[in-house]
Amino acid sequence: MFEKEFRNFVEAQKRDATGRRLEMLEKEMIGEEKMFKEVLWPVFGSFKGFIMQYELVTFTGVTMYVDAYYEPNRIAFESEGFVAHAENITRDRFDFERNRVRSMASKGITYYPYTWDEMNKKPEVCRSALYEFLGKNRNAANGGLTLYEREVVRNALLLERTVRVADVCEWLGRSADVSRGVLKSMTEKSLLKPMRNDRIRHHEYQLDERAIKLVRNQI
């Protein structure tokens, strides 16, 4: 399913692209597809709000392109290979990369890169970190719920008790680490209320009324 949806997404992006951006989109995007499959698609649940090969101009007037730009939260996601971005990098290229990051920061864009090895070996850690980041941003996912969050709320409504990490693992089919990341993000977004606030680690959660309203609005 993902592969087909990704191809359709890229084709839609091509229809609105011209010049150098179109050339970039015509290339084989192995790294970008890997990043969406392992991290972005599971977290956001769709391609809505994303722009591939997003065009920006640096301080020096040089045009640069971001692998995947998430417009609602102004996040620049990038997939970076070790050889191209570290092993074989020249001094001039190193300077350009730093200028690139500063240019994004000056425009209020959060630079959020992933390495190929991270996505290949530790995708759940990548997703968990992103959940935590989005949880601290109150405007995450345009103020709505991600795919995982909707699943948690939907299943939690059927429970006659509090939500536990084991429940979320079963509902999402993910590890305990990823499930804890989802719960932490939902807590920080005031979608869940941890039981027994005096404890450092929370093990049980209760749905907040805000989560119920949001999921009903998205049905």
N, C-alpha and C. Protein backbone atom coordinates (compact mmCIF):
# COMPACT_ATOMS: atom_id res chain seq x y z
N MET A 1 0.83 -1.21 0.00
CA MET A 1 0.00 0.00 0.00
C MET A 1 0.86 1.27 0.00
N PHE A 2 1.88 1.29 0.87
CA PHE A 2 2.71 2.49 0.96
C PHE A 2 3.37 2.82 -0.37
N GLU A 3 3.96 1.81 -1.03
CA GLU A 3 4.68 2.05 -2.27
C GLU A 3 3.80 2.72 -3.31
N LYS A 4 2.56 2.25 -3.43
CA LYS A 4 1.63 2.83 -4.40
C LYS A 4 1.28 4.26 -4.02
N GLU A 5 1.01 4.50 -2.74
CA GLU A 5 0.66 5.85 -2.28
C GLU A 5 1.83 6.81 -2.47
N PHE A 6 3.05 6.32 -2.24
CA PHE A 6 4.23 7.17 -2.42
C PHE A 6 4.41 7.54 -3.88
N ARG A 7 4.24 6.58 -4.77
CA ARG A 7 4.36 6.87 -6.21
C ARG A 7 3.32 7.90 -6.64
N ASN A 8 2.10 7.76 -6.17
CA ASN A 8 1.05 8.72 -6.51
C ASN A 8 1.38 10.11 -5.98
N PHE A 9 1.94 10.14 -4.78
CA PHE A 9 2.32 11.41 -4.16
C PHE A 9 3.41 12.11 -4.98
N VAL A 10 4.43 11.36 -5.38
CA VAL A 10 5.52 11.94 -6.17
C VAL A 10 5.00 12.44 -7.52
N GLU A 11 4.13 11.67 -8.15
CA GLU A 11 3.58 12.09 -9.44
C GLU A 11 2.77 13.38 -9.30
N ALA A 12 2.04 13.50 -8.22
CA ALA A 12 1.27 14.73 -7.96
C ALA A 12 2.20 15.91 -7.76
N GLN A 13 3.33 15.68 -7.10
CA GLN A 13 4.32 16.74 -6.89
C GLN A 13 4.94 17.17 -8.22
N LYS A 14 5.17 16.23 -9.11
CA LYS A 14 5.76 16.54 -10.41
C LYS A 14 4.86 17.44 -11.25
N ARG A 15 3.57 17.24 -11.13
CA ARG A 15 2.63 18.02 -11.94
C ARG A 15 2.69 19.51 -11.61
N ASP A 16 3.10 19.84 -10.39
CA ASP A 16 3.17 21.24 -9.97
C ASP A 16 4.59 21.79 -10.04
N ALA A 17 5.54 20.98 -10.51
CA ALA A 17 6.95 21.38 -10.49
C ALA A 17 7.44 21.81 -11.87
N THR A 18 8.45 22.68 -11.87
CA THR A 18 9.10 23.12 -13.11
C THR A 18 10.60 23.22 -12.87
N GLY A 19 11.36 23.36 -13.95
CA GLY A 19 12.79 23.63 -13.86
C GLY A 19 13.58 22.61 -13.06
N ARG A 20 14.48 23.13 -12.23
CA ARG A 20 15.39 22.28 -11.47
C ARG A 20 14.64 21.39 -10.48
N ARG A 21 13.58 21.90 -9.88
CA ARG A 21 12.81 21.08 -8.93
C ARG A 21 12.22 19.86 -9.63
N LEU A 22 11.72 20.04 -10.82
CA LEU A 22 11.17 18.92 -11.57
C LEU A 22 12.26 17.90 -11.87
N GLU A 23 13.45 18.38 -12.22
CA GLU A 23 14.58 17.48 -12.47
C GLU A 23 14.90 16.66 -11.22
N MET A 24 14.86 17.32 -10.07
CA MET A 24 15.14 16.62 -8.81
C MET A 24 14.09 15.54 -8.54
N LEU A 25 12.84 15.85 -8.85
CA LEU A 25 11.75 14.90 -8.61
C LEU A 25 11.79 13.73 -9.59
N GLU A 26 12.41 13.94 -10.74
CA GLU A 26 12.51 12.88 -11.75
C GLU A 26 13.56 11.84 -11.38
N LYS A 27 14.46 12.21 -10.48
CA LYS A 27 15.52 11.29 -10.09
C LYS A 27 14.97 10.18 -9.19
N GLU A 28 15.75 9.10 -9.10
CA GLU A 28 15.36 8.00 -8.22
C GLU A 28 15.54 8.44 -6.77
N MET A 29 14.46 8.49 -6.02
CA MET A 29 14.52 9.02 -4.66
C MET A 29 14.50 7.89 -3.63
N ILE A 30 15.59 7.16 -3.60
CA ILE A 30 15.68 6.02 -2.69
C ILE A 30 15.69 6.48 -1.23
N GLY A 31 16.49 7.50 -0.95
CA GLY A 31 16.58 8.00 0.43
C GLY A 31 15.29 8.61 0.92
N GLU A 32 14.65 9.39 0.05
CA GLU A 32 13.39 10.02 0.43
C GLU A 32 12.29 8.99 0.68
N GLU A 33 12.24 7.98 -0.19
CA GLU A 33 11.22 6.94 -0.01
C GLU A 33 11.46 6.17 1.29
N LYS A 34 12.73 5.90 1.58
CA LYS A 34 13.07 5.21 2.83
C LYS A 34 12.62 6.03 4.04
N MET A 35 12.86 7.34 3.99
CA MET A 35 12.49 8.22 5.10
C MET A 35 10.98 8.25 5.32
N PHE A 36 10.23 8.32 4.24
CA PHE A 36 8.77 8.33 4.37
C PHE A 36 8.26 6.98 4.88
N LYS A 37 8.80 5.90 4.34
CA LYS A 37 8.31 4.57 4.71
C LYS A 37 8.60 4.24 6.17
N GLU A 38 9.81 4.55 6.62
CA GLU A 38 10.22 4.15 7.97
C GLU A 38 9.82 5.13 9.06
N VAL A 39 9.70 6.42 8.70
CA VAL A 39 9.48 7.43 9.74
C VAL A 39 8.23 8.28 9.51
N LEU A 40 8.20 9.02 8.42
CA LEU A 40 7.16 10.04 8.24
C LEU A 40 5.76 9.47 8.02
N TRP A 41 5.64 8.46 7.19
CA TRP A 41 4.32 7.87 6.93
C TRP A 41 3.71 7.26 8.19
N PRO A 42 4.46 6.47 8.98
CA PRO A 42 3.88 5.92 10.22
C PRO A 42 3.48 6.99 11.22
N VAL A 43 4.23 8.09 11.28
CA VAL A 43 3.94 9.13 12.26
C VAL A 43 2.78 10.03 11.83
N PHE A 44 2.83 10.52 10.60
CA PHE A 44 1.82 11.48 10.13
C PHE A 44 0.59 10.79 9.54
N GLY A 45 0.76 9.58 9.02
CA GLY A 45 -0.37 8.84 8.50
C GLY A 45 -0.82 9.24 7.12
N SER A 46 -0.18 10.24 6.52
CA SER A 46 -0.53 10.67 5.16
C SER A 46 0.58 11.55 4.62
N PHE A 47 0.43 11.97 3.36
CA PHE A 47 1.40 12.87 2.74
C PHE A 47 0.91 14.32 2.76
N LYS A 48 -0.23 14.53 3.37
CA LYS A 48 -0.81 15.87 3.41
C LYS A 48 0.12 16.85 4.12
N GLY A 49 0.35 17.99 3.50
CA GLY A 49 1.19 19.02 4.10
C GLY A 49 2.65 18.94 3.70
N PHE A 50 3.04 17.86 3.01
CA PHE A 50 4.44 17.68 2.61
C PHE A 50 4.70 18.21 1.19
N ILE A 51 5.87 18.80 1.01
CA ILE A 51 6.34 19.26 -0.29
C ILE A 51 7.70 18.63 -0.54
N MET A 52 7.81 17.87 -1.62
CA MET A 52 9.08 17.23 -1.96
C MET A 52 9.98 18.20 -2.71
N GLN A 53 11.29 18.12 -2.44
CA GLN A 53 12.28 18.98 -3.08
C GLN A 53 11.86 20.45 -3.00
N TYR A 54 11.61 20.86 -1.79
CA TYR A 54 11.16 22.23 -1.52
C TYR A 54 12.30 23.21 -1.77
N GLU A 55 12.03 24.26 -2.51
CA GLU A 55 13.06 25.21 -2.93
C GLU A 55 13.23 26.36 -1.94
N LEU A 56 14.48 26.61 -1.55
CA LEU A 56 14.83 27.72 -0.67
C LEU A 56 16.06 28.42 -1.23
N VAL A 57 16.26 29.67 -0.81
CA VAL A 57 17.43 30.44 -1.23
C VAL A 57 18.25 30.80 0.00
N THR A 58 19.56 30.55 -0.05
CA THR A 58 20.44 30.82 1.08
C THR A 58 20.76 32.31 1.18
N PHE A 59 21.53 32.68 2.23
CA PHE A 59 21.96 34.06 2.42
C PHE A 59 22.72 34.58 1.20
N THR A 60 23.49 33.68 0.58
CA THR A 60 24.34 34.08 -0.54
C THR A 60 23.62 34.03 -1.88
N GLY A 61 22.34 33.74 -1.87
CA GLY A 61 21.57 33.73 -3.10
C GLY A 61 21.58 32.41 -3.85
N VAL A 62 22.13 31.38 -3.22
CA VAL A 62 22.20 30.06 -3.85
C VAL A 62 20.90 29.29 -3.58
N THR A 63 20.34 28.68 -4.62
CA THR A 63 19.11 27.91 -4.47
C THR A 63 19.43 26.52 -3.91
N MET A 64 18.67 26.10 -2.93
CA MET A 64 18.86 24.77 -2.35
C MET A 64 17.51 24.07 -2.30
N TYR A 65 17.57 22.76 -2.10
CA TYR A 65 16.34 21.97 -2.08
C TYR A 65 16.30 21.06 -0.85
N VAL A 66 15.13 21.01 -0.24
CA VAL A 66 14.91 20.18 0.95
C VAL A 66 14.19 18.91 0.52
N ASP A 67 14.65 17.76 1.00
CA ASP A 67 14.06 16.48 0.60
C ASP A 67 12.55 16.46 0.81
N ALA A 68 12.12 16.77 2.02
CA ALA A 68 10.68 16.76 2.34
C ALA A 68 10.39 17.87 3.34
N TYR A 69 9.60 18.84 2.93
CA TYR A 69 9.26 19.98 3.78
C TYR A 69 7.83 19.82 4.27
N TYR A 70 7.66 19.85 5.61
CA TYR A 70 6.31 19.75 6.18
C TYR A 70 5.82 21.15 6.49
N GLU A 71 4.93 21.64 5.64
CA GLU A 71 4.51 23.04 5.69
C GLU A 71 3.78 23.45 6.97
N PRO A 72 2.86 22.64 7.52
CA PRO A 72 2.13 23.08 8.72
C PRO A 72 3.03 23.45 9.89
N ASN A 73 4.14 22.74 10.05
CA ASN A 73 5.04 22.99 11.18
C ASN A 73 6.40 23.54 10.76
N ARG A 74 6.57 23.80 9.47
CA ARG A 74 7.83 24.34 8.96
C ARG A 74 9.02 23.48 9.38
N ILE A 75 8.95 22.20 9.00
CA ILE A 75 10.03 21.25 9.31
C ILE A 75 10.66 20.76 8.01
N ALA A 76 11.99 20.81 7.95
CA ALA A 76 12.72 20.32 6.78
C ALA A 76 13.30 18.94 7.12
N PHE A 77 12.70 17.89 6.57
CA PHE A 77 13.18 16.53 6.79
C PHE A 77 14.15 16.15 5.68
N GLU A 78 15.27 15.54 6.07
CA GLU A 78 16.26 15.15 5.07
C GLU A 78 16.78 13.75 5.36
N SER A 79 17.04 13.02 4.28
CA SER A 79 17.65 11.70 4.36
C SER A 79 19.09 11.84 3.89
N GLU A 80 20.04 11.51 4.77
CA GLU A 80 21.45 11.74 4.46
C GLU A 80 22.25 10.44 4.52
N GLY A 81 23.00 10.19 3.45
CA GLY A 81 23.90 9.04 3.41
C GLY A 81 25.28 9.43 3.91
N PHE A 82 25.99 8.51 4.53
CA PHE A 82 27.30 8.81 5.11
C PHE A 82 28.32 9.21 4.05
N VAL A 83 28.34 8.52 2.93
CA VAL A 83 29.35 8.79 1.89
C VAL A 83 29.20 10.19 1.34
N ALA A 84 27.98 10.57 0.96
CA ALA A 84 27.76 11.89 0.34
C ALA A 84 27.87 13.03 1.33
N HIS A 85 27.46 12.81 2.57
CA HIS A 85 27.38 13.91 3.54
C HIS A 85 28.49 13.91 4.58
N ALA A 86 29.37 12.92 4.54
CA ALA A 86 30.44 12.89 5.55
C ALA A 86 31.76 12.40 4.98
N GLU A 87 31.77 11.19 4.46
CA GLU A 87 33.03 10.56 4.05
C GLU A 87 33.72 11.31 2.92
N ASN A 88 32.98 11.69 1.89
CA ASN A 88 33.59 12.31 0.71
C ASN A 88 33.34 13.81 0.61
N ILE A 89 32.93 14.44 1.69
CA ILE A 89 32.58 15.85 1.62
C ILE A 89 33.83 16.73 1.53
N THR A 90 33.78 17.75 0.69
CA THR A 90 34.88 18.70 0.54
C THR A 90 34.71 19.84 1.53
N ARG A 91 35.75 20.66 1.67
CA ARG A 91 35.65 21.81 2.57
C ARG A 91 34.58 22.78 2.10
N ASP A 92 34.55 23.02 0.80
CA ASP A 92 33.54 23.95 0.26
C ASP A 92 32.14 23.41 0.49
N ARG A 93 31.97 22.11 0.28
CA ARG A 93 30.65 21.51 0.49
C ARG A 93 30.26 21.56 1.96
N PHE A 94 31.25 21.35 2.84
CA PHE A 94 31.00 21.41 4.27
C PHE A 94 30.51 22.80 4.67
N ASP A 95 31.18 23.83 4.12
CA ASP A 95 30.77 25.21 4.39
C ASP A 95 29.35 25.46 3.89
N PHE A 96 29.05 24.96 2.69
CA PHE A 96 27.72 25.16 2.11
C PHE A 96 26.65 24.50 2.97
N GLU A 97 26.94 23.29 3.47
CA GLU A 97 25.97 22.59 4.31
C GLU A 97 25.65 23.38 5.58
N ARG A 98 26.69 23.98 6.18
CA ARG A 98 26.47 24.79 7.39
C ARG A 98 25.66 26.05 7.06
N ASN A 99 25.98 26.67 5.92
CA ASN A 99 25.24 27.85 5.48
C ASN A 99 23.79 27.49 5.21
N ARG A 100 23.59 26.31 4.70
CA ARG A 100 22.25 25.80 4.39
C ARG A 100 21.41 25.70 5.67
N VAL A 101 22.01 25.13 6.71
CA VAL A 101 21.31 24.98 7.98
C VAL A 101 20.99 26.34 8.59
N ARG A 102 21.95 27.27 8.53
CA ARG A 102 21.72 28.61 9.07
C ARG A 102 20.61 29.33 8.31
N SER A 103 20.58 29.14 7.00
CA SER A 103 19.55 29.78 6.18
C SER A 103 18.16 29.29 6.57
N MET A 104 18.04 28.00 6.83
CA MET A 104 16.75 27.45 7.25
C MET A 104 16.35 28.00 8.61
N ALA A 105 17.32 28.08 9.51
CA ALA A 105 17.04 28.60 10.85
C ALA A 105 16.56 30.05 10.79
N SER A 106 17.16 30.84 9.92
CA SER A 106 16.77 32.25 9.80
C SER A 106 15.36 32.42 9.26
N LYS A 107 14.88 31.42 8.53
CA LYS A 107 13.53 31.46 7.98
C LYS A 107 12.52 30.79 8.90
N GLY A 108 12.97 30.41 10.09
CA GLY A 108 12.07 29.78 11.05
C GLY A 108 11.75 28.34 10.72
N ILE A 109 12.64 27.69 9.98
CA ILE A 109 12.43 26.29 9.59
C ILE A 109 13.29 25.38 10.46
N THR A 110 12.69 24.34 10.99
CA THR A 110 13.42 23.36 11.80
C THR A 110 14.05 22.33 10.89
N TYR A 111 15.36 22.21 10.98
CA TYR A 111 16.10 21.22 10.19
C TYR A 111 16.10 19.89 10.94
N TYR A 112 15.56 18.84 10.33
CA TYR A 112 15.38 17.56 11.01
C TYR A 112 15.89 16.42 10.13
N PRO A 113 17.20 16.14 10.17
CA PRO A 113 17.78 15.12 9.29
C PRO A 113 17.79 13.72 9.90
N TYR A 114 17.78 12.72 9.01
CA TYR A 114 17.96 11.33 9.40
C TYR A 114 19.06 10.73 8.53
N THR A 115 19.89 9.86 9.10
CA THR A 115 20.88 9.15 8.30
C THR A 115 20.27 7.84 7.81
N TRP A 116 20.84 7.33 6.72
CA TRP A 116 20.36 6.06 6.17
C TRP A 116 20.50 4.94 7.21
N ASP A 117 21.64 4.93 7.89
CA ASP A 117 21.88 3.87 8.88
C ASP A 117 20.87 3.92 10.02
N GLU A 118 20.53 5.13 10.46
CA GLU A 118 19.52 5.28 11.52
C GLU A 118 18.19 4.68 11.09
N MET A 119 17.76 5.05 9.90
CA MET A 119 16.46 4.59 9.40
C MET A 119 16.47 3.09 9.14
N ASN A 120 17.62 2.57 8.76
CA ASN A 120 17.73 1.16 8.43
C ASN A 120 17.84 0.29 9.68
N LYS A 121 18.58 0.77 10.67
CA LYS A 121 18.85 -0.04 11.86
C LYS A 121 17.96 0.30 13.06
N LYS A 122 17.55 1.57 13.17
CA LYS A 122 16.79 1.99 14.35
C LYS A 122 15.59 2.86 13.97
N PRO A 123 14.73 2.38 13.07
CA PRO A 123 13.59 3.20 12.65
C PRO A 123 12.64 3.56 13.78
N GLU A 124 12.50 2.66 14.75
CA GLU A 124 11.58 2.94 15.86
C GLU A 124 12.09 4.07 16.73
N VAL A 125 13.41 4.17 16.87
CA VAL A 125 14.00 5.27 17.63
C VAL A 125 13.76 6.59 16.89
N CYS A 126 13.89 6.55 15.56
CA CYS A 126 13.63 7.74 14.75
C CYS A 126 12.19 8.22 14.92
N ARG A 127 11.26 7.28 14.88
CA ARG A 127 9.84 7.64 15.03
C ARG A 127 9.55 8.16 16.43
N SER A 128 10.12 7.51 17.42
CA SER A 128 9.89 7.92 18.80
C SER A 128 10.38 9.34 19.04
N ALA A 129 11.55 9.68 18.50
CA ALA A 129 12.10 11.03 18.66
C ALA A 129 11.21 12.06 17.98
N LEU A 130 10.68 11.70 16.81
CA LEU A 130 9.81 12.63 16.10
C LEU A 130 8.50 12.83 16.85
N TYR A 131 7.96 11.77 17.41
CA TYR A 131 6.75 11.91 18.22
C TYR A 131 6.97 12.87 19.37
N GLU A 132 8.13 12.75 20.02
CA GLU A 132 8.44 13.62 21.14
C GLU A 132 8.55 15.07 20.68
N PHE A 133 9.19 15.28 19.54
CA PHE A 133 9.33 16.64 19.01
C PHE A 133 7.98 17.24 18.67
N LEU A 134 7.14 16.47 18.00
CA LEU A 134 5.81 16.97 17.62
C LEU A 134 4.94 17.20 18.84
N GLY A 135 5.15 16.38 19.86
CA GLY A 135 4.36 16.54 21.08
C GLY A 135 4.62 17.86 21.76
N LYS A 136 5.82 18.40 21.57
CA LYS A 136 6.16 19.68 22.18
C LYS A 136 5.70 20.85 21.32
N ASN A 137 5.28 20.54 20.12
CA ASN A 137 4.77 21.57 19.22
C ASN A 137 3.26 21.48 19.22
N ARG A 138 2.61 22.43 19.82
CA ARG A 138 1.15 22.36 19.99
C ARG A 138 0.38 22.37 18.68
N ASN A 139 1.03 22.76 17.60
CA ASN A 139 0.34 22.81 16.31
C ASN A 139 0.61 21.58 15.47
N ALA A 140 1.14 20.54 16.08
CA ALA A 140 1.47 19.33 15.33
C ALA A 140 0.25 18.82 14.56
N ALA A 141 0.56 18.39 13.33
CA ALA A 141 -0.48 17.82 12.46
C ALA A 141 -1.69 18.74 12.33
N ASN A 142 -1.41 20.04 12.23
CA ASN A 142 -2.48 21.02 12.03
C ASN A 142 -3.50 21.02 13.15
N GLY A 143 -3.06 20.67 14.36
CA GLY A 143 -3.97 20.69 15.50
C GLY A 143 -4.84 19.46 15.59
N GLY A 144 -4.67 18.50 14.67
CA GLY A 144 -5.49 17.30 14.69
C GLY A 144 -4.74 16.13 15.28
N LEU A 145 -5.10 14.94 14.84
CA LEU A 145 -4.49 13.72 15.36
C LEU A 145 -3.75 13.00 14.26
N THR A 146 -2.61 12.38 14.61
CA THR A 146 -1.90 11.55 13.66
C THR A 146 -2.63 10.21 13.55
N LEU A 147 -2.20 9.39 12.61
CA LEU A 147 -2.82 8.08 12.42
C LEU A 147 -2.74 7.24 13.70
N TYR A 148 -1.57 7.21 14.32
CA TYR A 148 -1.40 6.43 15.55
C TYR A 148 -2.26 6.98 16.68
N GLU A 149 -2.31 8.30 16.79
CA GLU A 149 -3.11 8.91 17.85
C GLU A 149 -4.59 8.60 17.70
N ARG A 150 -5.06 8.63 16.46
CA ARG A 150 -6.47 8.29 16.21
C ARG A 150 -6.76 6.85 16.63
N GLU A 151 -5.81 5.95 16.32
CA GLU A 151 -5.99 4.54 16.69
C GLU A 151 -6.04 4.37 18.21
N VAL A 152 -5.17 5.09 18.90
CA VAL A 152 -5.16 5.00 20.36
C VAL A 152 -6.49 5.49 20.93
N VAL A 153 -6.95 6.65 20.46
CA VAL A 153 -8.20 7.21 20.97
C VAL A 153 -9.38 6.29 20.64
N ARG A 154 -9.43 5.82 19.40
CA ARG A 154 -10.54 4.97 18.97
C ARG A 154 -10.64 3.70 19.82
N ASN A 155 -9.50 3.06 20.05
CA ASN A 155 -9.50 1.84 20.85
C ASN A 155 -9.72 2.13 22.33
N ALA A 156 -9.18 3.24 22.80
CA ALA A 156 -9.34 3.60 24.21
C ALA A 156 -10.80 3.85 24.57
N LEU A 157 -11.56 4.36 23.60
CA LEU A 157 -12.98 4.61 23.85
C LEU A 157 -13.76 3.32 24.11
N LEU A 158 -13.22 2.20 23.63
CA LEU A 158 -13.89 0.91 23.81
C LEU A 158 -13.49 0.22 25.11
N LEU A 159 -12.43 0.74 25.74
CA LEU A 159 -11.97 0.15 27.00
C LEU A 159 -12.84 0.62 28.17
N GLU A 160 -12.92 -0.22 29.17
CA GLU A 160 -13.63 0.17 30.39
C GLU A 160 -12.65 0.38 31.53
N ARG A 161 -11.42 0.71 31.16
CA ARG A 161 -10.37 0.98 32.14
C ARG A 161 -9.37 1.95 31.52
N THR A 162 -8.31 2.23 32.26
CA THR A 162 -7.27 3.14 31.76
C THR A 162 -6.43 2.46 30.67
N VAL A 163 -5.72 3.28 29.92
CA VAL A 163 -4.88 2.79 28.82
C VAL A 163 -3.48 2.47 29.34
N ARG A 164 -2.93 1.34 28.89
CA ARG A 164 -1.59 0.92 29.28
C ARG A 164 -0.69 0.80 28.05
N VAL A 165 0.60 0.79 28.29
CA VAL A 165 1.56 0.67 27.19
C VAL A 165 1.32 -0.60 26.40
N ALA A 166 1.04 -1.69 27.07
CA ALA A 166 0.78 -2.97 26.40
C ALA A 166 -0.41 -2.87 25.45
N ASP A 167 -1.41 -2.09 25.83
CA ASP A 167 -2.58 -1.89 24.97
C ASP A 167 -2.18 -1.22 23.67
N VAL A 168 -1.38 -0.17 23.79
CA VAL A 168 -0.96 0.60 22.61
C VAL A 168 -0.08 -0.26 21.70
N CYS A 169 0.78 -1.08 22.29
CA CYS A 169 1.61 -2.00 21.50
C CYS A 169 0.74 -2.91 20.64
N GLU A 170 -0.32 -3.41 21.24
CA GLU A 170 -1.24 -4.31 20.53
C GLU A 170 -2.02 -3.57 19.45
N TRP A 171 -2.53 -2.39 19.75
CA TRP A 171 -3.33 -1.63 18.80
C TRP A 171 -2.52 -1.19 17.58
N LEU A 172 -1.28 -0.76 17.82
CA LEU A 172 -0.46 -0.21 16.74
C LEU A 172 0.45 -1.24 16.09
N GLY A 173 0.64 -2.37 16.78
CA GLY A 173 1.56 -3.38 16.26
C GLY A 173 2.99 -2.90 16.30
N ARG A 174 3.32 -2.07 17.29
CA ARG A 174 4.66 -1.50 17.40
C ARG A 174 5.29 -1.88 18.74
N SER A 175 6.58 -1.57 18.85
CA SER A 175 7.32 -1.92 20.07
C SER A 175 6.90 -1.03 21.23
N ALA A 176 7.37 -1.42 22.42
CA ALA A 176 7.05 -0.64 23.62
C ALA A 176 7.66 0.75 23.55
N ASP A 177 8.87 0.86 22.96
CA ASP A 177 9.52 2.17 22.87
C ASP A 177 8.70 3.14 22.01
N VAL A 178 8.26 2.67 20.85
CA VAL A 178 7.45 3.52 19.98
C VAL A 178 6.12 3.85 20.65
N SER A 179 5.51 2.86 21.28
CA SER A 179 4.22 3.08 21.94
C SER A 179 4.35 4.09 23.07
N ARG A 180 5.44 4.01 23.83
CA ARG A 180 5.66 5.01 24.88
C ARG A 180 5.84 6.40 24.28
N GLY A 181 6.50 6.46 23.11
CA GLY A 181 6.67 7.75 22.44
C GLY A 181 5.34 8.36 22.05
N VAL A 182 4.42 7.52 21.55
CA VAL A 182 3.09 7.98 21.19
C VAL A 182 2.35 8.49 22.42
N LEU A 183 2.42 7.73 23.50
CA LEU A 183 1.75 8.13 24.74
C LEU A 183 2.33 9.42 25.31
N LYS A 184 3.64 9.54 25.25
CA LYS A 184 4.28 10.76 25.76
C LYS A 184 3.86 11.97 24.95
N SER A 185 3.85 11.80 23.61
CA SER A 185 3.43 12.88 22.73
C SER A 185 1.99 13.29 23.00
N MET A 186 1.11 12.30 23.17
CA MET A 186 -0.30 12.58 23.43
C MET A 186 -0.51 13.25 24.78
N THR A 187 0.32 12.89 25.75
CA THR A 187 0.24 13.52 27.06
C THR A 187 0.64 14.99 26.98
N GLU A 188 1.72 15.26 26.24
CA GLU A 188 2.20 16.64 26.12
C GLU A 188 1.25 17.50 25.30
N LYS A 189 0.44 16.86 24.45
CA LYS A 189 -0.56 17.58 23.66
C LYS A 189 -1.91 17.65 24.38
N SER A 190 -1.92 17.20 25.64
CA SER A 190 -3.14 17.20 26.47
C SER A 190 -4.24 16.34 25.88
N LEU A 191 -3.85 15.23 25.25
CA LEU A 191 -4.83 14.28 24.73
C LEU A 191 -5.05 13.15 25.73
N LEU A 192 -4.05 12.91 26.56
CA LEU A 192 -4.13 11.89 27.61
C LEU A 192 -3.73 12.50 28.95
N LYS A 193 -4.29 11.93 30.00
CA LYS A 193 -3.90 12.36 31.35
C LYS A 193 -3.29 11.16 32.07
N PRO A 194 -2.02 11.27 32.48
CA PRO A 194 -1.40 10.15 33.20
C PRO A 194 -2.03 9.98 34.57
N MET A 195 -2.21 8.75 34.96
CA MET A 195 -2.74 8.47 36.29
C MET A 195 -1.59 8.51 37.29
N ARG A 196 -1.86 8.97 38.49
CA ARG A 196 -0.85 9.07 39.55
C ARG A 196 0.31 9.95 39.11
N ASN A 197 0.07 11.23 39.03
CA ASN A 197 1.05 12.20 38.56
C ASN A 197 2.32 12.26 39.42
N ASP A 198 2.28 11.68 40.61
CA ASP A 198 3.44 11.75 41.49
C ASP A 198 4.56 10.82 41.04
N ARG A 199 4.24 9.92 40.12
CA ARG A 199 5.23 8.95 39.68
C ARG A 199 6.04 9.50 38.51
N ILE A 200 7.34 9.16 38.49
CA ILE A 200 8.22 9.65 37.43
C ILE A 200 7.86 9.00 36.10
N ARG A 201 7.63 7.69 36.11
CA ARG A 201 7.22 6.98 34.89
C ARG A 201 5.73 6.67 34.98
N HIS A 202 5.02 7.05 33.94
CA HIS A 202 3.58 6.81 33.92
C HIS A 202 3.32 5.46 33.23
N HIS A 203 2.43 4.68 33.79
CA HIS A 203 2.12 3.37 33.22
C HIS A 203 0.67 3.25 32.78
N GLU A 204 -0.19 4.15 33.25
CA GLU A 204 -1.60 4.11 32.88
C GLU A 204 -2.07 5.52 32.56
N TYR A 205 -2.97 5.61 31.57
CA TYR A 205 -3.42 6.91 31.09
C TYR A 205 -4.94 6.91 30.91
N GLN A 206 -5.50 8.11 31.00
CA GLN A 206 -6.93 8.29 30.79
C GLN A 206 -7.14 9.31 29.68
N LEU A 207 -8.12 9.05 28.82
CA LEU A 207 -8.40 9.97 27.72
C LEU A 207 -8.87 11.33 28.23
N ASP A 208 -8.36 12.38 27.61
CA ASP A 208 -8.84 13.72 27.90
C ASP A 208 -10.02 14.02 26.97
N GLU A 209 -10.91 14.86 27.41
CA GLU A 209 -12.09 15.21 26.61
C GLU A 209 -11.69 15.81 25.27
N ARG A 210 -10.55 16.50 25.23
CA ARG A 210 -10.08 17.13 23.99
C ARG A 210 -9.80 16.07 22.92
N ALA A 211 -9.23 14.94 23.31
CA ALA A 211 -8.93 13.87 22.36
C ALA A 211 -10.21 13.29 21.78
N ILE A 212 -11.22 13.13 22.61
CA ILE A 212 -12.50 12.59 22.15
C ILE A 212 -13.14 13.52 21.13
N LYS A 213 -13.09 14.81 21.39
CA LYS A 213 -13.66 15.79 20.46
C LYS A 213 -12.91 15.79 19.13
N LEU A 214 -11.58 15.71 19.20
CA LEU A 214 -10.77 15.73 17.98
C LEU A 214 -11.04 14.52 17.11
N VAL A 215 -11.10 13.34 17.70
CA VAL A 215 -11.30 12.13 16.91
C VAL A 215 -12.69 12.11 16.30
N ARG A 216 -13.67 12.66 16.99
CA ARG A 216 -15.03 12.72 16.44
C ARG A 216 -15.10 13.70 15.28
N ASN A 217 -14.31 14.76 15.35
CA ASN A 217 -14.28 15.74 14.26
C ASN A 217 -13.60 15.20 13.02
N GLN A 218 -12.73 14.17 13.19
CA GLN A 218 -11.98 13.63 12.07
C GLN A 218 -12.61 12.38 11.48
N ILE A 219 -13.65 11.89 12.10
CA ILE A 219 -14.33 10.69 11.57
C ILE A 219 -15.13 11.05 10.33
